[in-house]
Amino acid sequence: MHPAFWFVNLTGSIAAFCTTLAFVPQLVRVYRLKSARDISLVMFLVFSIGESLWLLYGLFIHSMPVILANAITLGLALAILCLKLQYDRKQKIATAAEARLNSLP
């Protein structure tokens, strides 16, 4: 093993930790506000597909750091995506109900 290999692994582990951790504040914010109106549905769909492919890649090469980082990130991204779909649906229903009430004589 090359002497600097530990540094390469450490760098990758820190990068994986940071990119995974980056989704936690967004998930907490969406959950607390009960709104994901400002989040792009297309971006999170494409991102989730990419994360799924990274996870698959990690499984193919038997790399536990790649598997763990991408499995956790995918879970966080999917949680945000599910909350977005749930909250957007509730907002649409509430807006439609309010429009019906406002149209009454």
PDB file of N, CA and C in Angstrom:
ATOM      1  N   MET A   1       0.848  -1.177   0.000  1.00  0.00           N
ATOM      2  CA  MET A   1       0.000   0.000   0.000  1.00  0.00           C
ATOM      3  C   MET A   1       0.895   1.242   0.000  1.00  0.00           C
ATOM      4  N   HIS A   2       0.539   2.209  -0.790  1.00  0.00           N
ATOM      5  CA  HIS A   2       1.276   3.462  -0.883  1.00  0.00           C
ATOM      6  C   HIS A   2       1.170   4.211   0.440  1.00  0.00           C
ATOM      7  N   PRO A   3       2.253   4.834   0.902  1.00  0.00           N
ATOM      8  CA  PRO A   3       2.222   5.523   2.204  1.00  0.00           C
ATOM      9  C   PRO A   3       1.175   6.630   2.309  1.00  0.00           C
ATOM     10  N   ALA A   4       0.852   7.287   1.209  1.00  0.00           N
ATOM     11  CA  ALA A   4      -0.124   8.386   1.263  1.00  0.00           C
ATOM     12  C   ALA A   4      -1.552   7.896   1.060  1.00  0.00           C
ATOM     13  N   PHE A   5      -1.760   6.586   0.985  1.00  0.00           N
ATOM     14  CA  PHE A   5      -3.093   6.047   0.755  1.00  0.00           C
ATOM     15  C   PHE A   5      -4.057   6.433   1.876  1.00  0.00           C
ATOM     16  N   TRP A   6      -3.573   6.510   3.105  1.00  0.00           N
ATOM     17  CA  TRP A   6      -4.419   6.908   4.224  1.00  0.00           C
ATOM     18  C   TRP A   6      -4.969   8.312   4.012  1.00  0.00           C
ATOM     19  N   PHE A   7      -4.142   9.195   3.410  1.00  0.00           N
ATOM     20  CA  PHE A   7      -4.581  10.561   3.161  1.00  0.00           C
ATOM     21  C   PHE A   7      -5.683  10.594   2.100  1.00  0.00           C
ATOM     22  N   VAL A   8      -5.557   9.755   1.092  1.00  0.00           N
ATOM     23  CA  VAL A   8      -6.579   9.668   0.046  1.00  0.00           C
ATOM     24  C   VAL A   8      -7.894   9.185   0.651  1.00  0.00           C
ATOM     25  N   ASN A   9      -7.820   8.152   1.477  1.00  0.00           N
ATOM     26  CA  ASN A   9      -9.029   7.630   2.139  1.00  0.00           C
ATOM     27  C   ASN A   9      -9.639   8.662   3.087  1.00  0.00           C
ATOM     28  N   LEU A  10      -8.790   9.373   3.820  1.00  0.00           N
ATOM     29  CA  LEU A  10      -9.276  10.398   4.736  1.00  0.00           C
ATOM     30  C   LEU A  10      -9.972  11.515   3.960  1.00  0.00           C
ATOM     31  N   THR A  11      -9.375  11.945   2.867  1.00  0.00           N
ATOM     32  CA  THR A  11      -9.970  12.989   2.031  1.00  0.00           C
ATOM     33  C   THR A  11     -11.336  12.554   1.507  1.00  0.00           C
ATOM     34  N   GLY A  12     -11.429  11.341   1.000  1.00  0.00           N
ATOM     35  CA  GLY A  12     -12.698  10.820   0.501  1.00  0.00           C
ATOM     36  C   GLY A  12     -13.741  10.703   1.595  1.00  0.00           C
ATOM     37  N   SER A  13     -13.312  10.279   2.763  1.00  0.00           N
ATOM     38  CA  SER A  13     -14.251  10.132   3.882  1.00  0.00           C
ATOM     39  C   SER A  13     -14.776  11.486   4.347  1.00  0.00           C
ATOM     40  N   ILE A  14     -13.907  12.482   4.416  1.00  0.00           N
ATOM     41  CA  ILE A  14     -14.347  13.818   4.814  1.00  0.00           C
ATOM     42  C   ILE A  14     -15.297  14.399   3.765  1.00  0.00           C
ATOM     43  N   ALA A  15     -14.973  14.209   2.492  1.00  0.00           N
ATOM     44  CA  ALA A  15     -15.843  14.689   1.412  1.00  0.00           C
ATOM     45  C   ALA A  15     -17.212  14.023   1.492  1.00  0.00           C
ATOM     46  N   ALA A  16     -17.236  12.723   1.695  1.00  0.00           N
ATOM     47  CA  ALA A  16     -18.504  11.989   1.794  1.00  0.00           C
ATOM     48  C   ALA A  16     -19.314  12.473   2.991  1.00  0.00           C
ATOM     49  N   PHE A  17     -18.655  12.698   4.106  1.00  0.00           N
ATOM     50  CA  PHE A  17     -19.333  13.178   5.310  1.00  0.00           C
ATOM     51  C   PHE A  17     -19.959  14.550   5.062  1.00  0.00           C
ATOM     52  N   CYS A  18     -19.188  15.450   4.454  1.00  0.00           N
ATOM     53  CA  CYS A  18     -19.687  16.816   4.205  1.00  0.00           C
ATOM     54  C   CYS A  18     -20.861  16.828   3.226  1.00  0.00           C
ATOM     55  N   THR A  19     -20.752  16.089   2.135  1.00  0.00           N
ATOM     56  CA  THR A  19     -21.830  16.118   1.151  1.00  0.00           C
ATOM     57  C   THR A  19     -23.081  15.426   1.674  1.00  0.00           C
ATOM     58  N   THR A  20     -22.906  14.439   2.516  1.00  0.00           N
ATOM     59  CA  THR A  20     -24.062  13.772   3.118  1.00  0.00           C
ATOM     60  C   THR A  20     -24.708  14.676   4.162  1.00  0.00           C
ATOM     61  N   LEU A  21     -23.898  15.258   5.016  1.00  0.00           N
ATOM     62  CA  LEU A  21     -24.383  16.125   6.085  1.00  0.00           C
ATOM     63  C   LEU A  21     -25.084  17.366   5.534  1.00  0.00           C
ATOM     64  N   ALA A  22     -24.719  17.793   4.346  1.00  0.00           N
ATOM     65  CA  ALA A  22     -25.284  19.008   3.756  1.00  0.00           C
ATOM     66  C   ALA A  22     -26.796  18.933   3.582  1.00  0.00           C
ATOM     67  N   PHE A  23     -27.355  17.751   3.489  1.00  0.00           N
ATOM     68  CA  PHE A  23     -28.795  17.611   3.276  1.00  0.00           C
ATOM     69  C   PHE A  23     -29.596  17.677   4.574  1.00  0.00           C
ATOM     70  N   VAL A  24     -28.960  17.495   5.703  1.00  0.00           N
ATOM     71  CA  VAL A  24     -29.685  17.474   6.977  1.00  0.00           C
ATOM     72  C   VAL A  24     -30.365  18.812   7.275  1.00  0.00           C
ATOM     73  N   PRO A  25     -29.675  19.956   7.152  1.00  0.00           N
ATOM     74  CA  PRO A  25     -30.374  21.220   7.433  1.00  0.00           C
ATOM     75  C   PRO A  25     -31.574  21.459   6.515  1.00  0.00           C
ATOM     76  N   GLN A  26     -31.466  21.057   5.255  1.00  0.00           N
ATOM     77  CA  GLN A  26     -32.588  21.243   4.329  1.00  0.00           C
ATOM     78  C   GLN A  26     -33.773  20.380   4.736  1.00  0.00           C
ATOM     79  N   LEU A  27     -33.503  19.133   5.114  1.00  0.00           N
ATOM     80  CA  LEU A  27     -34.568  18.235   5.553  1.00  0.00           C
ATOM     81  C   LEU A  27     -35.246  18.789   6.805  1.00  0.00           C
ATOM     82  N   VAL A  28     -34.459  19.265   7.759  1.00  0.00           N
ATOM     83  CA  VAL A  28     -35.011  19.828   8.993  1.00  0.00           C
ATOM     84  C   VAL A  28     -35.853  21.059   8.677  1.00  0.00           C
ATOM     85  N   ARG A  29     -35.366  21.917   7.786  1.00  0.00           N
ATOM     86  CA  ARG A  29     -36.094  23.134   7.421  1.00  0.00           C
ATOM     87  C   ARG A  29     -37.435  22.810   6.760  1.00  0.00           C
ATOM     88  N   VAL A  30     -37.414  21.888   5.824  1.00  0.00           N
ATOM     89  CA  VAL A  30     -38.654  21.498   5.134  1.00  0.00           C
ATOM     90  C   VAL A  30     -39.644  20.926   6.136  1.00  0.00           C
ATOM     91  N   TYR A  31     -39.165  20.086   7.036  1.00  0.00           N
ATOM     92  CA  TYR A  31     -40.037  19.459   8.026  1.00  0.00           C
ATOM     93  C   TYR A  31     -40.630  20.508   8.975  1.00  0.00           C
ATOM     94  N   ARG A  32     -39.790  21.429   9.452  1.00  0.00           N
ATOM     95  CA  ARG A  32     -40.276  22.445  10.400  1.00  0.00           C
ATOM     96  C   ARG A  32     -41.265  23.408   9.763  1.00  0.00           C
ATOM     97  N   LEU A  33     -40.972  23.840   8.532  1.00  0.00           N
ATOM     98  CA  LEU A  33     -41.839  24.796   7.852  1.00  0.00           C
ATOM     99  C   LEU A  33     -43.078  24.141   7.245  1.00  0.00           C
ATOM    100  N   LYS A  34     -43.033  22.821   7.129  1.00  0.00           N
ATOM    101  CA  LYS A  34     -44.122  22.083   6.474  1.00  0.00           C
ATOM    102  C   LYS A  34     -44.338  22.623   5.055  1.00  0.00           C
ATOM    103  N   SER A  35     -43.228  23.000   4.419  1.00  0.00           N
ATOM    104  CA  SER A  35     -43.283  23.534   3.066  1.00  0.00           C
ATOM    105  C   SER A  35     -41.978  23.234   2.348  1.00  0.00           C
ATOM    106  N   ALA A  36     -42.117  22.836   1.100  1.00  0.00           N
ATOM    107  CA  ALA A  36     -40.953  22.620   0.241  1.00  0.00           C
ATOM    108  C   ALA A  36     -41.169  23.341  -1.078  1.00  0.00           C
ATOM    109  N   ARG A  37     -41.909  24.426  -1.002  1.00  0.00           N
ATOM    110  CA  ARG A  37     -42.287  25.181  -2.198  1.00  0.00           C
ATOM    111  C   ARG A  37     -41.069  25.657  -2.983  1.00  0.00           C
ATOM    112  N   ASP A  38     -40.003  26.029  -2.292  1.00  0.00           N
ATOM    113  CA  ASP A  38     -38.823  26.579  -2.953  1.00  0.00           C
ATOM    114  C   ASP A  38     -37.844  25.513  -3.448  1.00  0.00           C
ATOM    115  N   ILE A  39     -38.182  24.266  -3.274  1.00  0.00           N
ATOM    116  CA  ILE A  39     -37.298  23.174  -3.695  1.00  0.00           C
ATOM    117  C   ILE A  39     -37.730  22.676  -5.067  1.00  0.00           C
ATOM    118  N   SER A  40     -36.752  22.484  -5.933  1.00  0.00           N
ATOM    119  CA  SER A  40     -37.026  22.025  -7.297  1.00  0.00           C
ATOM    120  C   SER A  40     -37.288  20.521  -7.316  1.00  0.00           C
ATOM    121  N   LEU A  41     -38.463  20.152  -7.770  1.00  0.00           N
ATOM    122  CA  LEU A  41     -38.826  18.741  -7.886  1.00  0.00           C
ATOM    123  C   LEU A  41     -37.914  18.033  -8.889  1.00  0.00           C
ATOM    124  N   VAL A  42     -37.682  18.663 -10.033  1.00  0.00           N
ATOM    125  CA  VAL A  42     -36.841  18.043 -11.067  1.00  0.00           C
ATOM    126  C   VAL A  42     -35.420  17.838 -10.550  1.00  0.00           C
ATOM    127  N   MET A  43     -34.879  18.827  -9.851  1.00  0.00           N
ATOM    128  CA  MET A  43     -33.519  18.699  -9.320  1.00  0.00           C
ATOM    129  C   MET A  43     -33.418  17.511  -8.369  1.00  0.00           C
ATOM    130  N   PHE A  44     -34.373  17.374  -7.463  1.00  0.00           N
ATOM    131  CA  PHE A  44     -34.300  16.280  -6.500  1.00  0.00           C
ATOM    132  C   PHE A  44     -34.561  14.928  -7.159  1.00  0.00           C
ATOM    133  N   LEU A  45     -35.383  14.888  -8.193  1.00  0.00           N
ATOM    134  CA  LEU A  45     -35.573  13.634  -8.933  1.00  0.00           C
ATOM    135  C   LEU A  45     -34.277  13.214  -9.620  1.00  0.00           C
ATOM    136  N   VAL A  46     -33.661  14.151 -10.331  1.00  0.00           N
ATOM    137  CA  VAL A  46     -32.411  13.845 -11.036  1.00  0.00           C
ATOM    138  C   VAL A  46     -31.309  13.507 -10.038  1.00  0.00           C
ATOM    139  N   PHE A  47     -31.233  14.264  -8.959  1.00  0.00           N
ATOM    140  CA  PHE A  47     -30.226  13.986  -7.929  1.00  0.00           C
ATOM    141  C   PHE A  47     -30.414  12.597  -7.333  1.00  0.00           C
ATOM    142  N   SER A  48     -31.651  12.230  -7.048  1.00  0.00           N
ATOM    143  CA  SER A  48     -31.934  10.911  -6.468  1.00  0.00           C
ATOM    144  C   SER A  48     -31.569   9.783  -7.431  1.00  0.00           C
ATOM    145  N   ILE A  49     -31.798   9.992  -8.716  1.00  0.00           N
ATOM    146  CA  ILE A  49     -31.378   8.996  -9.711  1.00  0.00           C
ATOM    147  C   ILE A  49     -29.854   8.885  -9.699  1.00  0.00           C
ATOM    148  N   GLY A  50     -29.175  10.025  -9.670  1.00  0.00           N
ATOM    149  CA  GLY A  50     -27.710  10.012  -9.611  1.00  0.00           C
ATOM    150  C   GLY A  50     -27.191   9.313  -8.368  1.00  0.00           C
ATOM    151  N   GLU A  51     -27.789   9.598  -7.225  1.00  0.00           N
ATOM    152  CA  GLU A  51     -27.377   8.938  -5.983  1.00  0.00           C
ATOM    153  C   GLU A  51     -27.619   7.430  -6.048  1.00  0.00           C
ATOM    154  N   SER A  52     -28.728   7.029  -6.653  1.00  0.00           N
ATOM    155  CA  SER A  52     -29.011   5.598  -6.819  1.00  0.00           C
ATOM    156  C   SER A  52     -27.924   4.929  -7.656  1.00  0.00           C
ATOM    157  N   LEU A  53     -27.502   5.625  -8.703  1.00  0.00           N
ATOM    158  CA  LEU A  53     -26.443   5.075  -9.561  1.00  0.00           C
ATOM    159  C   LEU A  53     -25.102   5.025  -8.837  1.00  0.00           C
ATOM    160  N   TRP A  54     -24.794   6.040  -8.028  1.00  0.00           N
ATOM    161  CA  TRP A  54     -23.569   6.005  -7.220  1.00  0.00           C
ATOM    162  C   TRP A  54     -23.616   4.841  -6.225  1.00  0.00           C
ATOM    163  N   LEU A  55     -24.762   4.619  -5.629  1.00  0.00           N
ATOM    164  CA  LEU A  55     -24.922   3.503  -4.697  1.00  0.00           C
ATOM    165  C   LEU A  55     -24.704   2.181  -5.420  1.00  0.00           C
ATOM    166  N   LEU A  56     -25.291   2.050  -6.586  1.00  0.00           N
ATOM    167  CA  LEU A  56     -25.104   0.845  -7.398  1.00  0.00           C
ATOM    168  C   LEU A  56     -23.632   0.655  -7.757  1.00  0.00           C
ATOM    169  N   TYR A  57     -22.972   1.733  -8.132  1.00  0.00           N
ATOM    170  CA  TYR A  57     -21.543   1.690  -8.442  1.00  0.00           C
ATOM    171  C   TYR A  57     -20.750   1.205  -7.226  1.00  0.00           C
ATOM    172  N   GLY A  58     -21.065   1.751  -6.057  1.00  0.00           N
ATOM    173  CA  GLY A  58     -20.382   1.319  -4.833  1.00  0.00           C
ATOM    174  C   GLY A  58     -20.579  -0.161  -4.567  1.00  0.00           C
ATOM    175  N   LEU A  59     -21.780  -0.658  -4.837  1.00  0.00           N
ATOM    176  CA  LEU A  59     -22.039  -2.093  -4.677  1.00  0.00           C
ATOM    177  C   LEU A  59     -21.225  -2.912  -5.677  1.00  0.00           C
ATOM    178  N   PHE A  60     -21.127  -2.416  -6.915  1.00  0.00           N
ATOM    179  CA  PHE A  60     -20.359  -3.135  -7.933  1.00  0.00           C
ATOM    180  C   PHE A  60     -18.879  -3.242  -7.571  1.00  0.00           C
ATOM    181  N   ILE A  61     -18.312  -2.154  -7.021  1.00  0.00           N
ATOM    182  CA  ILE A  61     -16.871  -2.167  -6.718  1.00  0.00           C
ATOM    183  C   ILE A  61     -16.590  -2.572  -5.270  1.00  0.00           C
ATOM    184  N   HIS A  62     -17.634  -2.912  -4.534  1.00  0.00           N
ATOM    185  CA  HIS A  62     -17.501  -3.367  -3.142  1.00  0.00           C
ATOM    186  C   HIS A  62     -16.785  -2.332  -2.275  1.00  0.00           C
ATOM    187  N   SER A  63     -17.195  -1.067  -2.426  1.00  0.00           N
ATOM    188  CA  SER A  63     -16.581   0.016  -1.651  1.00  0.00           C
ATOM    189  C   SER A  63     -17.549   0.470  -0.567  1.00  0.00           C
ATOM    190  N   MET A  64     -17.258   0.081   0.662  1.00  0.00           N
ATOM    191  CA  MET A  64     -18.146   0.410   1.775  1.00  0.00           C
ATOM    192  C   MET A  64     -18.297   1.922   1.972  1.00  0.00           C
ATOM    193  N   PRO A  65     -17.230   2.731   1.868  1.00  0.00           N
ATOM    194  CA  PRO A  65     -17.432   4.182   2.014  1.00  0.00           C
ATOM    195  C   PRO A  65     -18.374   4.754   0.949  1.00  0.00           C
ATOM    196  N   VAL A  66     -18.253   4.313  -0.278  1.00  0.00           N
ATOM    197  CA  VAL A  66     -19.131   4.792  -1.351  1.00  0.00           C
ATOM    198  C   VAL A  66     -20.557   4.320  -1.090  1.00  0.00           C
ATOM    199  N   ILE A  67     -20.711   3.088  -0.671  1.00  0.00           N
ATOM    200  CA  ILE A  67     -22.037   2.528  -0.390  1.00  0.00           C
ATOM    201  C   ILE A  67     -22.710   3.293   0.748  1.00  0.00           C
ATOM    202  N   LEU A  68     -22.006   3.460   1.866  1.00  0.00           N
ATOM    203  CA  LEU A  68     -22.603   4.116   3.031  1.00  0.00           C
ATOM    204  C   LEU A  68     -22.946   5.573   2.761  1.00  0.00           C
ATOM    205  N   ALA A  69     -21.999   6.308   2.202  1.00  0.00           N
ATOM    206  CA  ALA A  69     -22.237   7.733   1.957  1.00  0.00           C
ATOM    207  C   ALA A  69     -23.419   7.931   1.017  1.00  0.00           C
ATOM    208  N   ASN A  70     -23.480   7.153  -0.042  1.00  0.00           N
ATOM    209  CA  ASN A  70     -24.543   7.348  -1.018  1.00  0.00           C
ATOM    210  C   ASN A  70     -25.872   6.780  -0.553  1.00  0.00           C
ATOM    211  N   ALA A  71     -25.853   5.743   0.254  1.00  0.00           N
ATOM    212  CA  ALA A  71     -27.109   5.218   0.808  1.00  0.00           C
ATOM    213  C   ALA A  71     -27.731   6.239   1.761  1.00  0.00           C
ATOM    214  N   ILE A  72     -26.904   6.842   2.608  1.00  0.00           N
ATOM    215  CA  ILE A  72     -27.420   7.836   3.558  1.00  0.00           C
ATOM    216  C   ILE A  72     -27.897   9.083   2.813  1.00  0.00           C
ATOM    217  N   THR A  73     -27.092   9.560   1.851  1.00  0.00           N
ATOM    218  CA  THR A  73     -27.478  10.741   1.083  1.00  0.00           C
ATOM    219  C   THR A  73     -28.753  10.484   0.296  1.00  0.00           C
ATOM    220  N   LEU A  74     -28.863   9.304  -0.297  1.00  0.00           N
ATOM    221  CA  LEU A  74     -30.078   8.959  -1.032  1.00  0.00           C
ATOM    222  C   LEU A  74     -31.287   8.957  -0.100  1.00  0.00           C
ATOM    223  N   GLY A  75     -31.126   8.408   1.089  1.00  0.00           N
ATOM    224  CA  GLY A  75     -32.220   8.404   2.061  1.00  0.00           C
ATOM    225  C   GLY A  75     -32.666   9.812   2.426  1.00  0.00           C
ATOM    226  N   LEU A  76     -31.704  10.711   2.655  1.00  0.00           N
ATOM    227  CA  LEU A  76     -32.039  12.096   2.982  1.00  0.00           C
ATOM    228  C   LEU A  76     -32.719  12.794   1.802  1.00  0.00           C
ATOM    229  N   ALA A  77     -32.183  12.586   0.605  1.00  0.00           N
ATOM    230  CA  ALA A  77     -32.769  13.210  -0.591  1.00  0.00           C
ATOM    231  C   ALA A  77     -34.183  12.700  -0.843  1.00  0.00           C
ATOM    232  N   LEU A  78     -34.385  11.406  -0.664  1.00  0.00           N
ATOM    233  CA  LEU A  78     -35.727  10.845  -0.868  1.00  0.00           C
ATOM    234  C   LEU A  78     -36.706  11.337   0.192  1.00  0.00           C
ATOM    235  N   ALA A  79     -36.212  11.539   1.413  1.00  0.00           N
ATOM    236  CA  ALA A  79     -37.077  12.076   2.469  1.00  0.00           C
ATOM    237  C   ALA A  79     -37.527  13.490   2.100  1.00  0.00           C
ATOM    238  N   ILE A  80     -36.604  14.315   1.612  1.00  0.00           N
ATOM    239  CA  ILE A  80     -36.949  15.666   1.181  1.00  0.00           C
ATOM    240  C   ILE A  80     -37.921  15.606   0.007  1.00  0.00           C
ATOM    241  N   LEU A  81     -37.663  14.719  -0.926  1.00  0.00           N
ATOM    242  CA  LEU A  81     -38.526  14.572  -2.095  1.00  0.00           C
ATOM    243  C   LEU A  81     -39.941  14.153  -1.681  1.00  0.00           C
ATOM    244  N   CYS A  82     -40.049  13.206  -0.779  1.00  0.00           N
ATOM    245  CA  CYS A  82     -41.370  12.760  -0.303  1.00  0.00           C
ATOM    246  C   CYS A  82     -42.099  13.884   0.420  1.00  0.00           C
ATOM    247  N   LEU A  83     -41.385  14.628   1.264  1.00  0.00           N
ATOM    248  CA  LEU A  83     -42.012  15.751   1.951  1.00  0.00           C
ATOM    249  C   LEU A  83     -42.451  16.822   0.955  1.00  0.00           C
ATOM    250  N   LYS A  84     -41.650  17.061  -0.064  1.00  0.00           N
ATOM    251  CA  LYS A  84     -42.031  18.030  -1.090  1.00  0.00           C
ATOM    252  C   LYS A  84     -43.334  17.616  -1.758  1.00  0.00           C
ATOM    253  N   LEU A  85     -43.418  16.365  -2.166  1.00  0.00           N
ATOM    254  CA  LEU A  85     -44.641  15.883  -2.815  1.00  0.00           C
ATOM    255  C   LEU A  85     -45.833  15.978  -1.875  1.00  0.00           C
ATOM    256  N   GLN A  86     -45.640  15.607  -0.625  1.00  0.00           N
ATOM    257  CA  GLN A  86     -46.718  15.643   0.361  1.00  0.00           C
ATOM    258  C   GLN A  86     -47.178  17.079   0.627  1.00  0.00           C
ATOM    259  N   TYR A  87     -46.234  17.971   0.890  1.00  0.00           N
ATOM    260  CA  TYR A  87     -46.595  19.351   1.225  1.00  0.00           C
ATOM    261  C   TYR A  87     -47.137  20.108   0.020  1.00  0.00           C
ATOM    262  N   ASP A  88     -46.578  19.863  -1.167  1.00  0.00           N
ATOM    263  CA  ASP A  88     -47.100  20.522  -2.369  1.00  0.00           C
ATOM    264  C   ASP A  88     -48.539  20.103  -2.633  1.00  0.00           C
ATOM    265  N   ARG A  89     -48.822  18.825  -2.410  1.00  0.00           N
ATOM    266  CA  ARG A  89     -50.190  18.328  -2.612  1.00  0.00           C
ATOM    267  C   ARG A  89     -51.153  18.994  -1.629  1.00  0.00           C
ATOM    268  N   LYS A  90     -50.750  19.067  -0.364  1.00  0.00           N
ATOM    269  CA  LYS A  90     -51.602  19.718   0.643  1.00  0.00           C
ATOM    270  C   LYS A  90     -51.814  21.189   0.314  1.00  0.00           C
ATOM    271  N   GLN A  91     -50.758  21.849  -0.166  1.00  0.00           N
ATOM    272  CA  GLN A  91     -50.877  23.270  -0.520  1.00  0.00           C
ATOM    273  C   GLN A  91     -51.830  23.456  -1.693  1.00  0.00           C
ATOM    274  N   LYS A  92     -51.743  22.563  -2.668  1.00  0.00           N
ATOM    275  CA  LYS A  92     -52.619  22.654  -3.835  1.00  0.00           C
ATOM    276  C   LYS A  92     -54.079  22.462  -3.427  1.00  0.00           C
ATOM    277  N   ILE A  93     -54.338  21.512  -2.538  1.00  0.00           N
ATOM    278  CA  ILE A  93     -55.698  21.263  -2.060  1.00  0.00           C
ATOM    279  C   ILE A  93     -56.213  22.470  -1.279  1.00  0.00           C
ATOM    280  N   ALA A  94     -55.369  23.048  -0.413  1.00  0.00           N
ATOM    281  CA  ALA A  94     -55.776  24.200   0.380  1.00  0.00           C
ATOM    282  C   ALA A  94     -56.053  25.407  -0.515  1.00  0.00           C
ATOM    283  N   THR A  95     -55.237  25.608  -1.521  1.00  0.00           N
ATOM    284  CA  THR A  95     -55.428  26.723  -2.443  1.00  0.00           C
ATOM    285  C   THR A  95     -56.724  26.567  -3.229  1.00  0.00           C
ATOM    286  N   ALA A  96     -57.006  25.343  -3.663  1.00  0.00           N
ATOM    287  CA  ALA A  96     -58.244  25.089  -4.409  1.00  0.00           C
ATOM    288  C   ALA A  96     -59.464  25.308  -3.516  1.00  0.00           C
ATOM    289  N   ALA A  97     -59.387  24.872  -2.274  1.00  0.00           N
ATOM    290  CA  ALA A  97     -60.503  25.056  -1.346  1.00  0.00           C
ATOM    291  C   ALA A  97     -60.726  26.538  -1.065  1.00  0.00           C
ATOM    292  N   GLU A  98     -59.648  27.281  -0.906  1.00  0.00           N
ATOM    293  CA  GLU A  98     -59.767  28.715  -0.657  1.00  0.00           C
ATOM    294  C   GLU A  98     -60.362  29.429  -1.871  1.00  0.00           C
ATOM    295  N   ALA A  99     -59.975  29.018  -3.063  1.00  0.00           N
ATOM    296  CA  ALA A  99     -60.522  29.618  -4.277  1.00  0.00           C
ATOM    297  C   ALA A  99     -62.021  29.349  -4.388  1.00  0.00           C
ATOM    298  N   ARG A 100     -62.436  28.141  -4.005  1.00  0.00           N
ATOM    299  CA  ARG A 100     -63.873  27.815  -4.041  1.00  0.00           C
ATOM    300  C   ARG A 100     -64.644  28.677  -3.042  1.00  0.00           C
ATOM    301  N   LEU A 101     -64.078  28.857  -1.855  1.00  0.00           N
ATOM    302  CA  LEU A 101     -64.746  29.674  -0.845  1.00  0.00           C
ATOM    303  C   LEU A 101     -64.836  31.122  -1.282  1.00  0.00           C
ATOM    304  N   ASN A 102     -63.807  31.619  -1.914  1.00  0.00           N
ATOM    305  CA  ASN A 102     -63.805  33.012  -2.363  1.00  0.00           C
ATOM    306  C   ASN A 102     -64.753  33.242  -3.539  1.00  0.00           C
ATOM    307  N   SER A 103     -65.094  32.190  -4.249  1.00  0.00           N
ATOM    308  CA  SER A 103     -65.981  32.362  -5.397  1.00  0.00           C
ATOM    309  C   SER A 103     -67.467  32.266  -5.000  1.00  0.00           C
ATOM    310  N   LEU A 104     -67.734  31.937  -3.754  1.00  0.00           N
ATOM    311  CA  LEU A 104     -69.130  31.871  -3.297  1.00  0.00           C
ATOM    312  C   LEU A 104     -69.695  33.282  -3.174  1.00  0.00           C
ATOM    313  N   PRO A 105     -71.001  33.422  -3.455  1.00  0.00           N
ATOM    314  CA  PRO A 105     -71.620  34.752  -3.366  1.00  0.00           C
ATOM    315  C   PRO A 105     -71.745  35.240  -1.946  1.00  0.00           C
TER     316      PRO A 105
END
